[in-house]
PDB file of N, CA and C in Angstrom:
ATOM      1  N   MET A   1     -23.747  -2.735  10.988  1.00  0.00           N
ATOM      2  CA  MET A   1     -24.311  -3.883  10.320  1.00  0.00           C
ATOM      3  C   MET A   1     -25.515  -3.436   9.503  1.00  0.00           C
ATOM      4  N   SER A   2     -25.481  -3.769   8.197  1.00  0.00           N
ATOM      5  CA  SER A   2     -26.582  -3.342   7.343  1.00  0.00           C
ATOM      6  C   SER A   2     -27.743  -4.326   7.457  1.00  0.00           C
ATOM      7  N   ILE A   3     -28.863  -3.916   6.906  1.00  0.00           N
ATOM      8  CA  ILE A   3     -30.057  -4.751   6.941  1.00  0.00           C
ATOM      9  C   ILE A   3     -29.817  -6.055   6.168  1.00  0.00           C
ATOM     10  N   HIS A   4     -29.010  -5.976   5.107  1.00  0.00           N
ATOM     11  CA  HIS A   4     -28.808  -7.128   4.239  1.00  0.00           C
ATOM     12  C   HIS A   4     -27.647  -8.023   4.666  1.00  0.00           C
ATOM     13  N   SER A   5     -26.856  -7.606   5.638  1.00  0.00           N
ATOM     14  CA  SER A   5     -25.650  -8.383   5.936  1.00  0.00           C
ATOM     15  C   SER A   5     -25.916  -9.803   6.388  1.00  0.00           C
ATOM     16  N   LYS A   6     -26.928 -10.030   7.207  1.00  0.00           N
ATOM     17  CA  LYS A   6     -27.192 -11.390   7.663  1.00  0.00           C
ATOM     18  C   LYS A   6     -27.577 -12.268   6.476  1.00  0.00           C
ATOM     19  N   SER A   7     -28.434 -11.740   5.604  1.00  0.00           N
ATOM     20  CA  SER A   7     -28.849 -12.486   4.424  1.00  0.00           C
ATOM     21  C   SER A   7     -27.674 -12.714   3.477  1.00  0.00           C
ATOM     22  N   GLU A   8     -26.852 -11.654   3.273  1.00  0.00           N
ATOM     23  CA  GLU A   8     -25.694 -11.772   2.392  1.00  0.00           C
ATOM     24  C   GLU A   8     -24.712 -12.793   2.947  1.00  0.00           C
ATOM     25  N   ASN A   9     -24.485 -12.784   4.267  1.00  0.00           N
ATOM     26  CA  ASN A   9     -23.585 -13.745   4.885  1.00  0.00           C
ATOM     27  C   ASN A   9     -24.120 -15.160   4.721  1.00  0.00           C
ATOM     28  N   SER A  10     -25.421 -15.334   4.865  1.00  0.00           N
ATOM     29  CA  SER A  10     -26.024 -16.651   4.681  1.00  0.00           C
ATOM     30  C   SER A  10     -25.830 -17.133   3.253  1.00  0.00           C
ATOM     31  N   ASP A  11     -26.004 -16.229   2.293  1.00  0.00           N
ATOM     32  CA  ASP A  11     -25.800 -16.588   0.889  1.00  0.00           C
ATOM     33  C   ASP A  11     -24.344 -16.974   0.641  1.00  0.00           C
ATOM     34  N   GLU A  12     -23.418 -16.228   1.235  1.00  0.00           N
ATOM     35  CA  GLU A  12     -21.998 -16.547   1.083  1.00  0.00           C
ATOM     36  C   GLU A  12     -21.679 -17.920   1.679  1.00  0.00           C
ATOM     37  N   ILE A  13     -22.238 -18.192   2.826  1.00  0.00           N
ATOM     38  CA  ILE A  13     -22.000 -19.485   3.477  1.00  0.00           C
ATOM     39  C   ILE A  13     -22.558 -20.610   2.622  1.00  0.00           C
ATOM     40  N   LEU A  14     -23.773 -20.430   2.092  1.00  0.00           N
ATOM     41  CA  LEU A  14     -24.361 -21.446   1.221  1.00  0.00           C
ATOM     42  C   LEU A  14     -23.509 -21.670  -0.028  1.00  0.00           C
ATOM     43  N   LEU A  15     -22.999 -20.578  -0.592  1.00  0.00           N
ATOM     44  CA  LEU A  15     -22.153 -20.681  -1.772  1.00  0.00           C
ATOM     45  C   LEU A  15     -20.860 -21.435  -1.443  1.00  0.00           C
ATOM     46  N   LEU A  16     -20.226 -21.087  -0.332  1.00  0.00           N
ATOM     47  CA  LEU A  16     -18.999 -21.765   0.078  1.00  0.00           C
ATOM     48  C   LEU A  16     -19.238 -23.251   0.356  1.00  0.00           C
ATOM     49  N   GLU A  17     -20.362 -23.564   0.972  1.00  0.00           N
ATOM     50  CA  GLU A  17     -20.693 -24.969   1.228  1.00  0.00           C
ATOM     51  C   GLU A  17     -20.890 -25.722  -0.091  1.00  0.00           C
ATOM     52  N   ALA A  18     -21.535 -25.077  -1.059  1.00  0.00           N
ATOM     53  CA  ALA A  18     -21.753 -25.711  -2.367  1.00  0.00           C
ATOM     54  C   ALA A  18     -20.421 -25.946  -3.074  1.00  0.00           C
ATOM     55  N   ILE A  19     -19.530 -24.967  -3.004  1.00  0.00           N
ATOM     56  CA  ILE A  19     -18.206 -25.115  -3.607  1.00  0.00           C
ATOM     57  C   ILE A  19     -17.451 -26.256  -2.937  1.00  0.00           C
ATOM     58  N   TYR A  20     -17.499 -26.305  -1.621  1.00  0.00           N
ATOM     59  CA  TYR A  20     -16.808 -27.367  -0.879  1.00  0.00           C
ATOM     60  C   TYR A  20     -17.351 -28.741  -1.276  1.00  0.00           C
ATOM     61  N   LYS A  21     -18.676 -28.883  -1.339  1.00  0.00           N
ATOM     62  CA  LYS A  21     -19.273 -30.171  -1.711  1.00  0.00           C
ATOM     63  C   LYS A  21     -18.888 -30.559  -3.131  1.00  0.00           C
ATOM     64  N   THR A  22     -18.855 -29.580  -4.045  1.00  0.00           N
ATOM     65  CA  THR A  22     -18.464 -29.852  -5.431  1.00  0.00           C
ATOM     66  C   THR A  22     -17.029 -30.349  -5.477  1.00  0.00           C
ATOM     67  N   ARG A  23     -16.144 -29.694  -4.744  1.00  0.00           N
ATOM     68  CA  ARG A  23     -14.741 -30.115  -4.715  1.00  0.00           C
ATOM     69  C   ARG A  23     -14.589 -31.510  -4.130  1.00  0.00           C
ATOM     70  N   GLN A  24     -15.343 -31.801  -3.083  1.00  0.00           N
ATOM     71  CA  GLN A  24     -15.267 -33.131  -2.473  1.00  0.00           C
ATOM     72  C   GLN A  24     -15.752 -34.200  -3.455  1.00  0.00           C
ATOM     73  N   THR A  25     -16.812 -33.879  -4.190  1.00  0.00           N
ATOM     74  CA  THR A  25     -17.338 -34.811  -5.186  1.00  0.00           C
ATOM     75  C   THR A  25     -16.297 -35.056  -6.270  1.00  0.00           C
ATOM     76  N   LYS A  26     -15.651 -33.987  -6.752  1.00  0.00           N
ATOM     77  CA  LYS A  26     -14.635 -34.134  -7.784  1.00  0.00           C
ATOM     78  C   LYS A  26     -13.465 -34.974  -7.279  1.00  0.00           C
ATOM     79  N   LEU A  27     -13.083 -34.776  -6.024  1.00  0.00           N
ATOM     80  CA  LEU A  27     -11.999 -35.580  -5.458  1.00  0.00           C
ATOM     81  C   LEU A  27     -12.376 -37.058  -5.467  1.00  0.00           C
ATOM     82  N   LYS A  28     -13.621 -37.353  -5.090  1.00  0.00           N
ATOM     83  CA  LYS A  28     -14.078 -38.746  -5.060  1.00  0.00           C
ATOM     84  C   LYS A  28     -14.141 -39.336  -6.463  1.00  0.00           C
ATOM     85  N   GLN A  29     -14.443 -38.504  -7.466  1.00  0.00           N
ATOM     86  CA  GLN A  29     -14.556 -38.976  -8.842  1.00  0.00           C
ATOM     87  C   GLN A  29     -13.198 -39.051  -9.531  1.00  0.00           C
ATOM     88  N   GLY A  30     -12.169 -38.561  -8.891  1.00  0.00           N
ATOM     89  CA  GLY A  30     -10.845 -38.632  -9.478  1.00  0.00           C
ATOM     90  C   GLY A  30     -10.478 -37.462 -10.371  1.00  0.00           C
ATOM     91  N   PHE A  31     -11.125 -36.309 -10.202  1.00  0.00           N
ATOM     92  CA  PHE A  31     -10.821 -35.152 -11.023  1.00  0.00           C
ATOM     93  C   PHE A  31      -9.703 -34.288 -10.448  1.00  0.00           C
ATOM     94  N   ALA A  32      -9.156 -34.652  -9.348  1.00  0.00           N
ATOM     95  CA  ALA A  32      -8.051 -33.905  -8.743  1.00  0.00           C
ATOM     96  C   ALA A  32      -6.937 -34.899  -8.440  1.00  0.00           C
ATOM     97  N   ILE A  33      -5.789 -34.371  -8.092  1.00  0.00           N
ATOM     98  CA  ILE A  33      -4.658 -35.249  -7.794  1.00  0.00           C
ATOM     99  C   ILE A  33      -4.953 -35.995  -6.498  1.00  0.00           C
ATOM    100  N   SER A  34      -4.987 -37.307  -6.595  1.00  0.00           N
ATOM    101  CA  SER A  34      -5.236 -38.109  -5.401  1.00  0.00           C
ATOM    102  C   SER A  34      -3.953 -38.768  -4.904  1.00  0.00           C
ATOM    103  N   ALA A  35      -2.951 -38.842  -5.792  1.00  0.00           N
ATOM    104  CA  ALA A  35      -1.665 -39.415  -5.407  1.00  0.00           C
ATOM    105  C   ALA A  35      -0.576 -38.705  -6.196  1.00  0.00           C
ATOM    106  N   TYR A  36       0.531 -38.478  -5.552  1.00  0.00           N
ATOM    107  CA  TYR A  36       1.636 -37.797  -6.198  1.00  0.00           C
ATOM    108  C   TYR A  36       2.675 -38.806  -6.659  1.00  0.00           C
ATOM    109  N   HIS A  37       3.307 -38.498  -7.777  1.00  0.00           N
ATOM    110  CA  HIS A  37       4.334 -39.377  -8.318  1.00  0.00           C
ATOM    111  C   HIS A  37       5.587 -39.337  -7.444  1.00  0.00           C
ATOM    112  N   ASN A  38       6.351 -40.386  -7.524  1.00  0.00           N
ATOM    113  CA  ASN A  38       7.629 -40.456  -6.822  1.00  0.00           C
ATOM    114  C   ASN A  38       8.640 -39.677  -7.659  1.00  0.00           C
ATOM    115  N   MET A  39       8.910 -38.436  -7.265  1.00  0.00           N
ATOM    116  CA  MET A  39       9.767 -37.568  -8.064  1.00  0.00           C
ATOM    117  C   MET A  39      11.201 -38.084  -8.132  1.00  0.00           C
ATOM    118  N   GLU A  40      11.678 -38.694  -7.096  1.00  0.00           N
ATOM    119  CA  GLU A  40      13.045 -39.228  -7.116  1.00  0.00           C
ATOM    120  C   GLU A  40      13.163 -40.292  -8.212  1.00  0.00           C
ATOM    121  N   GLU A  41      12.169 -41.158  -8.301  1.00  0.00           N
ATOM    122  CA  GLU A  41      12.153 -42.199  -9.332  1.00  0.00           C
ATOM    123  C   GLU A  41      12.091 -41.582 -10.736  1.00  0.00           C
ATOM    124  N   ILE A  42      11.296 -40.557 -10.879  1.00  0.00           N
ATOM    125  CA  ILE A  42      11.170 -39.886 -12.174  1.00  0.00           C
ATOM    126  C   ILE A  42      12.496 -39.256 -12.578  1.00  0.00           C
ATOM    127  N   TYR A  43      13.175 -38.592 -11.638  1.00  0.00           N
ATOM    128  CA  TYR A  43      14.465 -37.972 -11.955  1.00  0.00           C
ATOM    129  C   TYR A  43      15.518 -39.017 -12.315  1.00  0.00           C
ATOM    130  N   VAL A  44      15.483 -40.178 -11.695  1.00  0.00           N
ATOM    131  CA  VAL A  44      16.405 -41.257 -12.049  1.00  0.00           C
ATOM    132  C   VAL A  44      16.160 -41.678 -13.500  1.00  0.00           C
ATOM    133  N   LYS A  45      14.895 -41.801 -13.881  1.00  0.00           N
ATOM    134  CA  LYS A  45      14.562 -42.180 -15.262  1.00  0.00           C
ATOM    135  C   LYS A  45      14.995 -41.095 -16.247  1.00  0.00           C
ATOM    136  N   ILE A  46      14.789 -39.843 -15.894  1.00  0.00           N
ATOM    137  CA  ILE A  46      15.195 -38.736 -16.762  1.00  0.00           C
ATOM    138  C   ILE A  46      16.710 -38.750 -16.943  1.00  0.00           C
ATOM    139  N   ASP A  47      17.442 -38.913 -15.844  1.00  0.00           N
ATOM    140  CA  ASP A  47      18.903 -38.963 -15.924  1.00  0.00           C
ATOM    141  C   ASP A  47      19.360 -40.111 -16.811  1.00  0.00           C
ATOM    142  N   SER A  48      18.686 -41.250 -16.720  1.00  0.00           N
ATOM    143  CA  SER A  48      19.021 -42.403 -17.550  1.00  0.00           C
ATOM    144  C   SER A  48      18.803 -42.088 -19.031  1.00  0.00           C
ATOM    145  N   LEU A  49      17.696 -41.433 -19.351  1.00  0.00           N
ATOM    146  CA  LEU A  49      17.432 -41.053 -20.736  1.00  0.00           C
ATOM    147  C   LEU A  49      18.456 -40.049 -21.252  1.00  0.00           C
ATOM    148  N   LEU A  50      18.806 -39.081 -20.420  1.00  0.00           N
ATOM    149  CA  LEU A  50      19.756 -38.051 -20.837  1.00  0.00           C
ATOM    150  C   LEU A  50      21.163 -38.606 -21.026  1.00  0.00           C
ATOM    151  N   ALA A  51      21.467 -39.693 -20.355  1.00  0.00           N
ATOM    152  CA  ALA A  51      22.788 -40.307 -20.467  1.00  0.00           C
ATOM    153  C   ALA A  51      22.934 -41.096 -21.771  1.00  0.00           C
ATOM    154  N   GLN A  52      21.829 -41.376 -22.445  1.00  0.00           N
ATOM    155  CA  GLN A  52      21.872 -42.151 -23.683  1.00  0.00           C
ATOM    156  C   GLN A  52      22.284 -41.259 -24.854  1.00  0.00           C
ATOM    157  N   PRO A  53      22.851 -41.857 -25.886  1.00  0.00           N
ATOM    158  CA  PRO A  53      23.228 -41.052 -27.064  1.00  0.00           C
ATOM    159  C   PRO A  53      21.978 -40.508 -27.764  1.00  0.00           C
ATOM    160  N   LEU A  54      22.162 -39.384 -28.460  1.00  0.00           N
ATOM    161  CA  LEU A  54      21.055 -38.791 -29.214  1.00  0.00           C
ATOM    162  C   LEU A  54      20.677 -39.698 -30.373  1.00  0.00           C
ATOM    163  N   ARG A  55      19.409 -39.721 -30.674  1.00  0.00           N
ATOM    164  CA  ARG A  55      18.920 -40.488 -31.806  1.00  0.00           C
ATOM    165  C   ARG A  55      18.303 -39.522 -32.810  1.00  0.00           C
ATOM    166  N   SER A  56      18.668 -39.667 -34.043  1.00  0.00           N
ATOM    167  CA  SER A  56      18.102 -38.771 -35.051  1.00  0.00           C
ATOM    168  C   SER A  56      16.893 -39.435 -35.711  1.00  0.00           C
ATOM    169  N   VAL A  57      16.080 -38.607 -36.320  1.00  0.00           N
ATOM    170  CA  VAL A  57      14.910 -39.103 -37.036  1.00  0.00           C
ATOM    171  C   VAL A  57      15.338 -39.325 -38.488  1.00  0.00           C
ATOM    172  N   LYS A  58      15.032 -40.495 -39.020  1.00  0.00           N
ATOM    173  CA  LYS A  58      15.388 -40.802 -40.411  1.00  0.00           C
ATOM    174  C   LYS A  58      14.655 -39.849 -41.346  1.00  0.00           C
ATOM    175  N   GLN A  59      15.321 -39.499 -42.456  1.00  0.00           N
ATOM    176  CA  GLN A  59      14.758 -38.526 -43.395  1.00  0.00           C
ATOM    177  C   GLN A  59      13.383 -38.938 -43.907  1.00  0.00           C
ATOM    178  N   GLU A  60      13.207 -40.231 -44.203  1.00  0.00           N
ATOM    179  CA  GLU A  60      11.907 -40.696 -44.709  1.00  0.00           C
ATOM    180  C   GLU A  60      10.810 -40.462 -43.673  1.00  0.00           C
ATOM    181  N   LYS A  61      11.138 -40.754 -42.418  1.00  0.00           N
ATOM    182  CA  LYS A  61      10.156 -40.585 -41.342  1.00  0.00           C
ATOM    183  C   LYS A  61       9.865 -39.098 -41.114  1.00  0.00           C
ATOM    184  N   MET A  62      10.912 -38.259 -41.174  1.00  0.00           N
ATOM    185  CA  MET A  62      10.722 -36.818 -41.004  1.00  0.00           C
ATOM    186  C   MET A  62       9.806 -36.280 -42.100  1.00  0.00           C
ATOM    187  N   LYS A  63      10.010 -36.747 -43.339  1.00  0.00           N
ATOM    188  CA  LYS A  63       9.139 -36.317 -44.433  1.00  0.00           C
ATOM    189  C   LYS A  63       7.700 -36.732 -44.153  1.00  0.00           C
ATOM    190  N   GLU A  64       7.524 -37.935 -43.628  1.00  0.00           N
ATOM    191  CA  GLU A  64       6.183 -38.414 -43.290  1.00  0.00           C
ATOM    192  C   GLU A  64       5.526 -37.515 -42.237  1.00  0.00           C
ATOM    193  N   TYR A  65       6.288 -37.148 -41.221  1.00  0.00           N
ATOM    194  CA  TYR A  65       5.759 -36.260 -40.171  1.00  0.00           C
ATOM    195  C   TYR A  65       5.385 -34.899 -40.757  1.00  0.00           C
ATOM    196  N   LEU A  66       6.288 -34.332 -41.561  1.00  0.00           N
ATOM    197  CA  LEU A  66       6.027 -33.011 -42.125  1.00  0.00           C
ATOM    198  C   LEU A  66       4.849 -33.038 -43.098  1.00  0.00           C
ATOM    199  N   ASP A  67       4.735 -34.114 -43.872  1.00  0.00           N
ATOM    200  CA  ASP A  67       3.579 -34.257 -44.764  1.00  0.00           C
ATOM    201  C   ASP A  67       2.275 -34.308 -43.972  1.00  0.00           C
ATOM    202  N   TYR A  68       2.320 -34.972 -42.822  1.00  0.00           N
ATOM    203  CA  TYR A  68       1.134 -35.034 -41.965  1.00  0.00           C
ATOM    204  C   TYR A  68       0.713 -33.615 -41.563  1.00  0.00           C
ATOM    205  N   PHE A  69       1.680 -32.818 -41.091  1.00  0.00           N
ATOM    206  CA  PHE A  69       1.343 -31.457 -40.671  1.00  0.00           C
ATOM    207  C   PHE A  69       0.835 -30.623 -41.838  1.00  0.00           C
ATOM    208  N   GLU A  70       1.452 -30.793 -43.000  1.00  0.00           N
ATOM    209  CA  GLU A  70       1.012 -30.043 -44.185  1.00  0.00           C
ATOM    210  C   GLU A  70      -0.429 -30.384 -44.562  1.00  0.00           C
ATOM    211  N   SER A  71      -0.790 -31.654 -44.494  1.00  0.00           N
ATOM    212  CA  SER A  71      -2.125 -32.074 -44.931  1.00  0.00           C
ATOM    213  C   SER A  71      -3.187 -31.945 -43.845  1.00  0.00           C
ATOM    214  N   LYS A  72      -2.849 -32.232 -42.606  1.00  0.00           N
ATOM    215  CA  LYS A  72      -3.854 -32.261 -41.531  1.00  0.00           C
ATOM    216  C   LYS A  72      -3.935 -30.961 -40.729  1.00  0.00           C
ATOM    217  N   CYS A  73      -2.938 -30.106 -40.873  1.00  0.00           N
ATOM    218  CA  CYS A  73      -2.885 -28.906 -40.020  1.00  0.00           C
ATOM    219  C   CYS A  73      -2.781 -27.630 -40.851  1.00  0.00           C
ATOM    220  N   ALA A  74      -3.438 -27.609 -42.001  1.00  0.00           N
ATOM    221  CA  ALA A  74      -3.351 -26.457 -42.908  1.00  0.00           C
ATOM    222  C   ALA A  74      -3.836 -25.167 -42.242  1.00  0.00           C
ATOM    223  N   LYS A  75      -4.906 -25.257 -41.470  1.00  0.00           N
ATOM    224  CA  LYS A  75      -5.435 -24.062 -40.806  1.00  0.00           C
ATOM    225  C   LYS A  75      -4.439 -23.524 -39.772  1.00  0.00           C
ATOM    226  N   SER A  76      -3.788 -24.425 -39.052  1.00  0.00           N
ATOM    227  CA  SER A  76      -2.771 -24.006 -38.084  1.00  0.00           C
ATOM    228  C   SER A  76      -1.616 -23.306 -38.782  1.00  0.00           C
ATOM    229  N   LYS A  77      -1.218 -23.832 -39.939  1.00  0.00           N
ATOM    230  CA  LYS A  77      -0.123 -23.215 -40.689  1.00  0.00           C
ATOM    231  C   LYS A  77      -0.515 -21.810 -41.130  1.00  0.00           C
ATOM    232  N   THR A  78      -1.746 -21.651 -41.608  1.00  0.00           N
ATOM    233  CA  THR A  78      -2.230 -20.336 -42.023  1.00  0.00           C
ATOM    234  C   THR A  78      -2.227 -19.365 -40.844  1.00  0.00           C
ATOM    235  N   MET A  79      -2.716 -19.832 -39.692  1.00  0.00           N
ATOM    236  CA  MET A  79      -2.764 -18.981 -38.501  1.00  0.00           C
ATOM    237  C   MET A  79      -1.352 -18.624 -38.031  1.00  0.00           C
ATOM    238  N   THR A  80      -0.433 -19.600 -38.048  1.00  0.00           N
ATOM    239  CA  THR A  80       0.945 -19.350 -37.627  1.00  0.00           C
ATOM    240  C   THR A  80       1.608 -18.338 -38.540  1.00  0.00           C
ATOM    241  N   THR A  81       1.380 -18.484 -39.841  1.00  0.00           N
ATOM    242  CA  THR A  81       1.953 -17.548 -40.810  1.00  0.00           C
ATOM    243  C   THR A  81       1.442 -16.135 -40.545  1.00  0.00           C
ATOM    244  N   GLU A  82       0.159 -16.010 -40.262  1.00  0.00           N
ATOM    245  CA  GLU A  82      -0.412 -14.685 -39.990  1.00  0.00           C
ATOM    246  C   GLU A  82       0.117 -14.106 -38.684  1.00  0.00           C
ATOM    247  N   THR A  83       0.212 -14.933 -37.642  1.00  0.00           N
ATOM    248  CA  THR A  83       0.664 -14.394 -36.350  1.00  0.00           C
ATOM    249  C   THR A  83       2.125 -13.968 -36.387  1.00  0.00           C
ATOM    250  N   LYS A  84       2.901 -14.495 -37.335  1.00  0.00           N
ATOM    251  CA  LYS A  84       4.304 -14.075 -37.462  1.00  0.00           C
ATOM    252  C   LYS A  84       4.415 -12.599 -37.820  1.00  0.00           C
ATOM    253  N   MET A  85       3.324 -12.031 -38.364  1.00  0.00           N
ATOM    254  CA  MET A  85       3.325 -10.597 -38.676  1.00  0.00           C
ATOM    255  C   MET A  85       3.250  -9.763 -37.397  1.00  0.00           C
ATOM    256  N   TYR A  86       2.761 -10.360 -36.310  1.00  0.00           N
ATOM    257  CA  TYR A  86       2.545  -9.619 -35.074  1.00  0.00           C
ATOM    258  C   TYR A  86       3.452 -10.070 -33.929  1.00  0.00           C
ATOM    259  N   ILE A  87       3.794 -11.365 -33.913  1.00  0.00           N
ATOM    260  CA  ILE A  87       4.588 -11.950 -32.826  1.00  0.00           C
ATOM    261  C   ILE A  87       5.795 -12.656 -33.454  1.00  0.00           C
ATOM    262  N   PRO A  88       7.008 -12.344 -33.013  1.00  0.00           N
ATOM    263  CA  PRO A  88       8.174 -13.035 -33.576  1.00  0.00           C
ATOM    264  C   PRO A  88       8.037 -14.554 -33.445  1.00  0.00           C
ATOM    265  N   GLY A  89       8.180 -15.269 -34.548  1.00  0.00           N
ATOM    266  CA  GLY A  89       8.045 -16.719 -34.540  1.00  0.00           C
ATOM    267  C   GLY A  89       6.608 -17.198 -34.583  1.00  0.00           C
ATOM    268  N   GLY A  90       5.639 -16.313 -34.366  1.00  0.00           N
ATOM    269  CA  GLY A  90       4.232 -16.666 -34.444  1.00  0.00           C
ATOM    270  C   GLY A  90       3.603 -17.131 -33.145  1.00  0.00           C
ATOM    271  N   VAL A  91       4.414 -17.392 -32.110  1.00  0.00           N
ATOM    272  CA  VAL A  91       3.893 -17.818 -30.811  1.00  0.00           C
ATOM    273  C   VAL A  91       4.703 -17.157 -29.697  1.00  0.00           C
ATOM    274  N   GLN A  92       4.138 -17.157 -28.484  1.00  0.00           N
ATOM    275  CA  GLN A  92       4.786 -16.505 -27.360  1.00  0.00           C
ATOM    276  C   GLN A  92       5.225 -17.480 -26.280  1.00  0.00           C
ATOM    277  N   HIS A  93       5.398 -18.730 -26.587  1.00  0.00           N
ATOM    278  CA  HIS A  93       5.779 -19.693 -25.558  1.00  0.00           C
ATOM    279  C   HIS A  93       6.848 -20.619 -26.099  1.00  0.00           C
ATOM    280  N   ASN A  94       7.297 -21.551 -25.296  1.00  0.00           N
ATOM    281  CA  ASN A  94       8.426 -22.397 -25.667  1.00  0.00           C
ATOM    282  C   ASN A  94       8.170 -23.290 -26.870  1.00  0.00           C
ATOM    283  N   LEU A  95       6.934 -23.455 -27.299  1.00  0.00           N
ATOM    284  CA  LEU A  95       6.661 -24.252 -28.488  1.00  0.00           C
ATOM    285  C   LEU A  95       7.176 -23.567 -29.745  1.00  0.00           C
ATOM    286  N   ALA A  96       7.549 -22.313 -29.634  1.00  0.00           N
ATOM    287  CA  ALA A  96       8.122 -21.608 -30.777  1.00  0.00           C
ATOM    288  C   ALA A  96       9.406 -22.276 -31.254  1.00  0.00           C
ATOM    289  N   PHE A  97      10.047 -23.037 -30.426  1.00  0.00           N
ATOM    290  CA  PHE A  97      11.297 -23.690 -30.777  1.00  0.00           C
ATOM    291  C   PHE A  97      11.081 -24.988 -31.546  1.00  0.00           C
ATOM    292  N   TYR A  98       9.842 -25.448 -31.646  1.00  0.00           N
ATOM    293  CA  TYR A  98       9.524 -26.665 -32.368  1.00  0.00           C
ATOM    294  C   TYR A  98       8.873 -26.293 -33.692  1.00  0.00           C
ATOM    295  N   ASN A  99       9.639 -26.384 -34.769  1.00  0.00           N
ATOM    296  CA  ASN A  99       9.150 -25.937 -36.069  1.00  0.00           C
ATOM    297  C   ASN A  99       8.403 -27.084 -36.749  1.00  0.00           C
ATOM    298  N   GLN A 100       7.079 -27.061 -36.685  1.00  0.00           N
ATOM    299  CA  GLN A 100       6.301 -28.118 -37.326  1.00  0.00           C
ATOM    300  C   GLN A 100       6.139 -27.854 -38.814  1.00  0.00           C
ATOM    301  N   PHE A 101       6.371 -26.635 -39.253  1.00  0.00           N
ATOM    302  CA  PHE A 101       6.272 -26.294 -40.665  1.00  0.00           C
ATOM    303  C   PHE A 101       7.613 -25.733 -41.119  1.00  0.00           C
ATOM    304  N   LEU A 102       8.480 -26.583 -41.624  1.00  0.00           N
ATOM    305  CA  LEU A 102       9.815 -26.137 -42.064  1.00  0.00           C
ATOM    306  C   LEU A 102       9.751 -25.238 -43.245  1.00  0.00           C
TER     307      LEU A 102
END
């Protein structure tokens, strides 16, 4: 046992107590999951949606969406274009399948 171990252990205990109190406070404030969703109900809703026919987006509305991205997300388009030089598709996650800039 070193000379500092008792003091170091006390500091660790104080730190752990502070972390515990912070977590308890966050739980009371609603910053953590306080209730879980009914997954069976959610899966029933998902199955119901998947059973419906596909709906397409009207061309006028699609143009409106794309115009929005062109005008409001110019910096993102520039960054995506540049990252395509280094990463196939410009991103490394499943959002690569959603082409916001046709």
